[in-house]
Protein backbone atom coordinates (compact mmCIF):
# COMPACT_ATOMS: atom_id res chain seq x y z
CA MET A 1 -85.78 81.53 -14.09
CA ARG A 2 -82.51 81.21 -15.99
CA LEU A 3 -82.58 82.18 -19.65
CA GLN A 4 -80.74 79.98 -22.14
CA SER A 5 -78.70 81.48 -24.93
CA THR A 6 -80.14 81.17 -28.41
CA ALA A 7 -76.74 81.44 -30.07
CA PRO A 8 -75.95 78.48 -32.34
CA ARG A 9 -73.43 75.98 -31.03
CA SER A 10 -71.19 76.74 -34.01
CA ALA A 11 -70.67 80.20 -32.46
CA VAL A 12 -68.32 78.55 -29.95
CA VAL A 13 -65.71 78.53 -32.73
CA PHE A 14 -65.82 82.33 -32.81
CA ARG A 15 -64.64 82.81 -29.24
CA PRO A 16 -61.15 84.17 -28.51
CA PHE A 17 -59.79 81.01 -26.88
CA ALA A 18 -61.00 78.73 -29.68
CA LEU A 19 -59.62 81.03 -32.37
CA ALA A 20 -56.30 81.26 -30.53
CA ILE A 21 -56.05 77.45 -30.41
CA ILE A 22 -56.80 77.20 -34.15
CA LEU A 23 -54.25 79.91 -34.94
CA SER A 24 -51.61 78.15 -32.83
CA GLY A 25 -52.12 74.92 -34.77
CA LEU A 26 -51.83 76.77 -38.06
CA ILE A 27 -48.60 78.44 -36.92
CA LEU A 28 -47.03 75.06 -36.12
CA GLY A 29 -48.21 73.69 -39.46
CA SER A 30 -46.78 76.68 -41.33
CA LEU A 31 -43.40 76.38 -39.60
CA ALA A 32 -43.21 72.67 -40.43
CA THR A 33 -44.26 73.00 -44.09
CA GLY A 34 -41.87 73.70 -46.93
CA ALA A 35 -39.74 72.23 -49.66
CA ALA A 36 -37.01 71.31 -47.17
CA ASN A 37 -37.67 68.86 -44.37
CA VAL A 38 -37.03 70.70 -41.13
CA SER A 39 -38.20 69.70 -37.66
CA LEU A 40 -39.48 72.30 -35.24
CA SER A 41 -36.73 71.27 -32.83
CA GLY A 42 -34.29 72.91 -35.26
CA LEU A 43 -35.61 76.25 -34.09
CA PHE A 44 -34.16 75.61 -30.64
CA TYR A 45 -31.01 73.62 -31.48
CA GLY A 46 -29.76 75.83 -34.33
CA GLY A 47 -28.01 74.60 -37.45
CA GLU A 48 -29.35 74.86 -41.00
CA GLY A 49 -32.86 73.95 -39.87
CA GLY A 50 -32.92 76.71 -37.29
CA ASP A 51 -31.57 79.25 -39.77
CA LEU A 52 -34.26 78.32 -42.30
CA LEU A 53 -37.02 78.69 -39.73
CA ILE A 54 -35.76 82.06 -38.51
CA VAL A 55 -34.90 83.56 -41.89
CA SER A 56 -37.80 82.25 -43.98
CA ARG A 57 -40.62 80.30 -42.38
CA LEU A 58 -41.14 82.33 -39.22
CA PRO A 59 -41.19 85.67 -41.10
CA ARG A 60 -43.59 84.19 -43.65
CA THR A 61 -45.90 82.95 -40.91
CA LEU A 62 -45.84 86.26 -39.07
CA ALA A 63 -46.41 88.18 -42.33
CA ALA A 64 -49.54 86.17 -43.11
CA ILE A 65 -50.93 86.72 -39.62
CA LEU A 66 -50.17 90.45 -39.58
CA ALA A 67 -51.56 91.04 -43.08
CA GLY A 68 -54.73 89.06 -42.43
CA SER A 69 -55.39 90.65 -39.04
CA SER A 70 -54.84 94.23 -40.14
CA LEU A 71 -56.85 93.90 -43.37
CA ALA A 72 -59.76 92.35 -41.47
CA VAL A 73 -59.70 95.28 -39.02
CA ALA A 74 -59.60 97.71 -41.95
CA GLY A 75 -62.67 95.98 -43.36
CA VAL A 76 -64.59 96.55 -40.11
CA ILE A 77 -63.76 100.26 -40.18
CA MET A 78 -64.77 100.61 -43.84
CA GLN A 79 -68.11 98.89 -43.25
CA MET A 80 -68.89 101.14 -40.29
CA LEU A 81 -67.91 104.36 -42.03
CA VAL A 82 -69.86 103.51 -45.18
CA ARG A 83 -72.65 101.74 -43.23
CA ASN A 84 -72.64 98.87 -45.68
CA ARG A 85 -71.74 95.21 -45.11
CA PHE A 86 -70.45 94.62 -48.62
CA VAL A 87 -67.45 96.94 -48.76
CA GLU A 88 -63.76 96.51 -47.95
CA PRO A 89 -60.48 98.09 -49.13
CA ALA A 90 -60.36 95.78 -52.18
CA THR A 91 -63.90 96.72 -53.34
CA THR A 92 -63.81 100.48 -52.76
CA GLY A 93 -60.80 101.47 -54.85
CA THR A 94 -58.52 101.84 -51.80
CA GLY A 95 -56.16 99.07 -52.87
CA GLU A 96 -56.13 100.23 -56.47
CA CYS A 97 -55.31 103.80 -55.45
CA ALA A 98 -52.51 102.59 -53.18
CA THR A 99 -51.10 100.64 -56.13
CA LEU A 100 -51.37 103.72 -58.36
CA GLY A 101 -49.39 105.70 -55.79
CA LEU A 102 -46.67 103.03 -55.72
CA LEU A 103 -46.52 103.00 -59.51
CA ALA A 104 -46.19 106.79 -59.61
CA MET A 105 -43.29 106.66 -57.15
CA THR A 106 -41.62 103.85 -59.12
CA LEU A 107 -41.76 105.95 -62.27
CA LEU A 108 -40.99 109.40 -60.88
CA MET A 109 -38.67 108.59 -57.96
CA PRO A 110 -37.35 105.05 -58.37
CA GLU A 111 -34.52 105.62 -55.87
CA ALA A 112 -36.84 106.94 -53.14
CA PRO A 113 -36.64 105.18 -49.74
CA ILE A 114 -39.34 102.73 -48.72
CA LEU A 115 -40.89 105.19 -46.26
CA ALA A 116 -41.38 107.77 -49.02
CA LYS A 117 -43.08 105.20 -51.22
CA MET A 118 -45.27 104.15 -48.32
CA ALA A 119 -46.23 107.76 -47.61
CA ILE A 120 -47.25 108.51 -51.21
CA SER A 121 -49.13 105.21 -51.43
CA SER A 122 -51.02 106.01 -48.21
CA ILE A 123 -51.90 109.50 -49.43
CA ALA A 124 -53.19 108.07 -52.72
CA ALA A 125 -55.23 105.46 -50.85
CA PHE A 126 -56.63 108.13 -48.51
CA ALA A 127 -57.61 110.40 -51.39
CA GLY A 128 -59.14 107.54 -53.37
CA THR A 129 -61.20 106.35 -50.41
CA ALA A 130 -62.39 109.88 -49.73
CA VAL A 131 -63.59 110.13 -53.33
CA PHE A 132 -65.44 106.83 -52.93
CA LEU A 133 -67.17 108.06 -49.76
CA ALA A 134 -68.23 111.20 -51.60
CA LEU A 135 -69.68 109.06 -54.40
CA VAL A 136 -71.71 106.80 -52.12
CA GLN A 137 -73.26 109.82 -50.41
CA LYS A 138 -75.15 110.43 -53.67
CA LEU A 139 -76.61 106.91 -53.78
CA PRO A 140 -80.14 106.15 -52.52
CA PRO A 141 -80.01 104.54 -49.04
CA THR A 142 -82.74 102.08 -50.03
CA GLN A 143 -80.39 100.36 -52.51
CA PRO A 144 -77.48 99.05 -50.39
CA LEU A 145 -76.11 96.82 -53.16
CA LEU A 146 -75.37 99.92 -55.26
CA VAL A 147 -72.56 100.80 -52.84
CA PRO A 148 -70.33 97.76 -53.53
CA LEU A 149 -71.22 97.90 -57.22
CA THR A 150 -70.11 101.52 -57.33
CA GLY A 151 -66.91 100.58 -55.50
CA ILE A 152 -66.16 97.77 -57.95
CA VAL A 153 -66.69 100.06 -60.95
CA TYR A 154 -64.67 102.85 -59.35
CA GLY A 155 -61.84 100.47 -58.46
CA GLY A 156 -61.98 99.00 -61.96
CA ILE A 157 -61.47 102.42 -63.50
CA ILE A 158 -58.48 103.14 -61.26
CA ALA A 159 -57.06 99.68 -62.00
CA ALA A 160 -57.48 100.23 -65.75
CA ILE A 161 -55.61 103.54 -65.56
CA THR A 162 -52.86 101.91 -63.51
CA THR A 163 -52.57 98.98 -65.92
CA PHE A 164 -52.34 101.31 -68.92
CA ILE A 165 -49.55 103.33 -67.32
CA ALA A 166 -47.71 100.15 -66.29
CA TYR A 167 -48.05 98.72 -69.81
CA GLN A 168 -46.68 101.87 -71.39
CA ASN A 169 -43.64 101.72 -69.10
CA ASP A 170 -43.08 97.95 -69.13
CA LEU A 171 -43.99 97.56 -65.44
CA LEU A 172 -46.78 95.02 -65.66
CA GLN A 173 -44.72 92.52 -63.68
CA TYR A 174 -44.46 94.93 -60.76
CA LEU A 175 -48.19 95.57 -60.97
CA ALA A 176 -48.97 91.85 -60.85
CA ILE A 177 -46.94 91.52 -57.64
CA TRP A 178 -48.75 94.39 -55.95
CA MET A 179 -52.23 93.23 -56.97
CA ASN A 180 -51.84 89.52 -56.10
CA GLY A 181 -51.18 88.81 -52.46
CA GLU A 182 -48.63 86.06 -51.87
CA PHE A 183 -45.93 85.30 -49.33
CA SER A 184 -43.33 83.27 -51.22
CA GLY A 185 -40.89 86.20 -51.29
CA VAL A 186 -41.16 87.01 -47.59
CA LEU A 187 -37.84 86.75 -45.78
CA GLN A 188 -36.32 88.25 -42.67
CA GLY A 189 -35.75 91.93 -43.40
CA ARG A 190 -38.46 92.10 -46.10
CA TYR A 191 -41.67 91.99 -44.12
CA GLU A 192 -41.08 94.20 -41.06
CA LEU A 193 -43.28 96.96 -42.48
CA LEU A 194 -46.25 94.73 -41.64
CA TRP A 195 -45.50 95.22 -37.94
CA ALA A 196 -46.39 98.87 -38.52
CA SER A 197 -49.64 97.67 -40.09
CA GLY A 198 -50.36 95.66 -36.95
CA ALA A 199 -49.61 98.70 -34.80
CA VAL A 200 -52.10 100.77 -36.81
CA ALA A 201 -54.70 98.04 -36.27
CA LEU A 202 -54.11 98.40 -32.50
CA VAL A 203 -54.80 102.13 -32.85
CA ALA A 204 -58.14 101.17 -34.41
CA TYR A 205 -59.00 99.28 -31.23
CA TYR A 206 -58.40 102.47 -29.22
CA TYR A 207 -61.07 104.22 -31.31
CA ALA A 208 -63.40 101.20 -31.40
CA ASP A 209 -66.23 102.89 -29.48
CA GLN A 210 -66.13 105.96 -31.73
CA PHE A 211 -66.29 103.78 -34.84
CA THR A 212 -69.29 101.94 -33.39
CA VAL A 213 -71.11 105.23 -32.84
CA ALA A 214 -70.12 106.45 -36.31
CA GLY A 215 -71.78 103.33 -37.70
CA PHE A 216 -75.15 104.72 -36.57
CA GLY A 217 -74.90 107.40 -39.26
CA LYS A 218 -73.67 110.99 -39.38
CA ASP A 219 -76.74 112.64 -37.86
CA ALA A 220 -77.13 110.11 -35.05
CA ALA A 221 -73.39 110.19 -34.26
CA ILE A 222 -73.35 114.01 -34.06
CA GLY A 223 -76.48 113.89 -31.91
CA LEU A 224 -74.65 111.58 -29.49
CA GLY A 225 -71.81 114.11 -29.19
CA LEU A 226 -69.30 112.46 -31.54
CA ASN A 227 -66.95 114.61 -33.60
CA TYR A 228 -67.92 112.75 -36.75
CA ARG A 229 -65.51 114.51 -39.09
CA VAL A 230 -62.47 113.74 -36.92
CA VAL A 231 -63.48 110.09 -36.50
CA LEU A 232 -64.03 109.84 -40.25
CA LEU A 233 -60.55 111.19 -40.97
CA ILE A 234 -59.00 108.83 -38.40
CA GLY A 235 -60.81 105.87 -39.91
CA LEU A 236 -59.75 106.80 -43.43
CA GLY A 237 -56.17 107.23 -42.26
CA ILE A 238 -56.11 103.80 -40.59
CA VAL A 239 -57.59 102.06 -43.62
CA SER A 240 -55.21 103.85 -45.99
CA LEU A 241 -52.10 103.03 -43.95
CA ILE A 242 -53.02 99.37 -43.53
CA THR A 243 -53.78 98.99 -47.22
CA SER A 244 -50.58 100.67 -48.39
CA PHE A 245 -48.42 98.68 -45.93
CA THR A 246 -49.95 95.43 -47.16
CA VAL A 247 -49.79 96.23 -50.87
CA LEU A 248 -46.19 97.40 -50.58
CA THR A 249 -45.07 94.27 -48.69
CA VAL A 250 -47.10 91.27 -49.90
CA GLY A 251 -49.68 92.61 -52.36
CA LEU A 252 -53.44 93.04 -52.10
CA LEU A 253 -55.45 90.22 -50.49
CA PRO A 254 -59.09 90.31 -51.65
CA PHE A 255 -62.14 89.43 -49.55
CA VAL A 256 -60.30 89.43 -46.19
CA GLY A 257 -61.88 92.69 -45.07
CA LEU A 258 -65.26 91.59 -46.42
CA VAL A 259 -65.67 87.99 -45.27
CA VAL A 260 -64.12 88.05 -41.80
CA PRO A 261 -66.04 91.04 -40.34
CA ASN A 262 -69.33 89.68 -41.68
CA ILE A 263 -68.77 86.24 -40.16
CA ILE A 264 -67.87 87.66 -36.76
CA SER A 265 -70.73 90.17 -36.84
CA ARG A 266 -73.17 87.39 -37.72
CA TYR A 267 -72.39 85.50 -34.51
CA ARG A 268 -70.96 88.11 -32.12
CA GLY A 269 -72.74 91.38 -32.93
CA ASP A 270 -71.59 94.83 -34.05
CA ASN A 271 -69.84 96.27 -30.98
CA ALA A 272 -66.36 97.02 -32.33
CA ARG A 273 -64.82 96.98 -28.86
CA THR A 274 -65.88 93.33 -28.50
CA THR A 275 -65.48 92.09 -32.05
CA LEU A 276 -62.19 93.66 -33.20
CA PRO A 277 -59.96 91.15 -31.32
CA LEU A 278 -62.01 88.29 -32.80
CA VAL A 279 -61.82 89.84 -36.26
CA ALA A 280 -58.03 90.17 -35.98
CA LEU A 281 -57.62 86.57 -34.80
CA MET A 282 -59.85 85.14 -37.51
CA GLY A 283 -58.31 87.30 -40.23
CA GLY A 284 -54.81 86.14 -39.34
CA ALA A 285 -55.92 82.51 -39.07
CA LEU A 286 -57.73 82.45 -42.43
CA VAL A 287 -54.93 84.14 -44.37
CA LEU A 288 -52.35 81.82 -42.78
CA ALA A 289 -54.57 78.83 -43.60
CA SER A 290 -54.86 80.03 -47.22
CA ASP A 291 -51.08 80.38 -47.48
CA LEU A 292 -50.57 76.93 -45.96
CA LEU A 293 -53.14 75.39 -48.28
CA GLY A 294 -51.48 77.05 -51.27
CA ARG A 295 -48.21 75.38 -50.32
CA LEU A 296 -49.77 71.93 -49.89
CA ILE A 297 -52.08 71.63 -52.91
CA HIS A 298 -49.31 71.38 -55.52
CA ASN A 299 -46.20 70.88 -53.42
CA PRO A 300 -43.37 71.84 -54.01
CA TYR A 301 -44.99 74.54 -56.17
CA GLU A 302 -47.15 77.23 -54.62
CA ILE A 303 -50.50 78.86 -55.28
CA PRO A 304 -50.69 82.49 -54.04
CA ALA A 305 -52.61 82.94 -50.81
CA GLY A 306 -54.65 85.71 -52.45
CA THR A 307 -55.89 83.24 -55.07
CA ILE A 308 -56.84 80.64 -52.46
CA PHE A 309 -58.61 83.18 -50.28
CA GLY A 310 -60.33 84.69 -53.31
CA VAL A 311 -61.86 81.33 -54.25
CA LEU A 312 -62.88 80.48 -50.69
CA GLY A 313 -64.03 84.04 -50.03
CA THR A 314 -66.36 83.97 -53.01
CA GLY A 315 -68.13 80.93 -51.62
CA VAL A 316 -68.39 82.42 -48.14
CA PHE A 317 -69.63 85.71 -49.58
CA LEU A 318 -72.44 83.93 -51.45
CA TRP A 319 -73.33 82.06 -48.27
CA LEU A 320 -73.52 85.35 -46.37
CA LEU A 321 -75.84 86.76 -49.03
CA PHE A 322 -78.34 83.91 -49.01
CA ALA A 323 -78.11 82.36 -45.52
CA ARG A 324 -80.54 83.32 -42.83
CA PRO A 325 -79.25 85.64 -40.11
CA ALA A 326 -77.83 83.82 -37.10
CA ARG A 327 -79.69 84.11 -33.81
CA ARG A 328 -77.64 85.60 -31.02
CA GLY A 329 -78.36 85.28 -27.33
C-alpha cells in the first residue's frame, strides 16, 4: 500500500524549484524598478540604461540577495548552537557587538583599511556572542523564552553603550546607518564585501551535518563522537563574519535569521544539510522583496528594507508563536 504525504499543500512553495522561480521574478522586478525608466533590454544593448543597471540596480539586487541569504544561514547556526528557535544575530547581541567594534575602529583608527575594520568588527561580534552563550548556559532549560529575552536585554545594554559613545563623539549618523539595513547606497564597488559573506555561508553548508548533531546538545553530540568545542568555535566564527560583513556594508537587518529558519523548519524539518539551501533561497527572496516593496510604497522615495522586513517579520513571528505545528510527511 502506498502512503500519502501528510505535508500541507502550501509546503510546495518551500521547495527549491519554486523558491528559485519566485527569486527570479523578484530579480527582474528589482532590475526594472527605480526612479529612472530603464528597460531590461538596456542591459544587453548598452547606453545609459545599461550603465545604470550595471552600476546601480544589479549591485543593489545582488546585495539584497547575498545579505538575506547569509543572515538566514547565520540564524540557522545560532538556533542550533543555542538550541532555541527564538534567537538570531540581531537578538543575541551579535549585531550590536559588531557595531561597537566598527565604532571603536572609527574612533581609534579612522584611516584603517576596510579589512582591518572588518576584522575588529568580527572579533567583537565573536566575543559578544561567546558571552551570550555563556549567559544562556546559566538559564533553566525548562524556560526557553528566557533565552531570547536575555539576548534582547544583553543586546540592549551593548546598544546603549554604543549609542552613548557615538553621541559623545557626534557619530550618531554613522550608528544609524549601521543599525538600519537599507540598500539605497549600494553601487558597484561598494557591496563586494557581501560576496565574502556568501562564501562564508557556503562554508556553513560544508559543516551542516556537524551543526545538526550539535543541535542535539553538548552531551549527546560528544557521545556521538563530535568535537563539540571545535564545531562551536566554527559556528561562532561563521555567524560573526556574516554579521560583521552585513553591518559594515548595508547595516543590520532584523528578523531575517529568526523568521526564515523557523518557516523552513516548520515545513521541511531540521536537517541542516537539506534545509540550508532552502533557507538561503528564501532569505534572499524575502530581503529582496522587502527592498522592492520599500521602493514601490512611496515612489520615488524609499523605505529601508530593514524597516519593511521588521514590520513583516513581527507578524510572521507572532504567527509562528501561536500557530499549530505543521504536519510533515
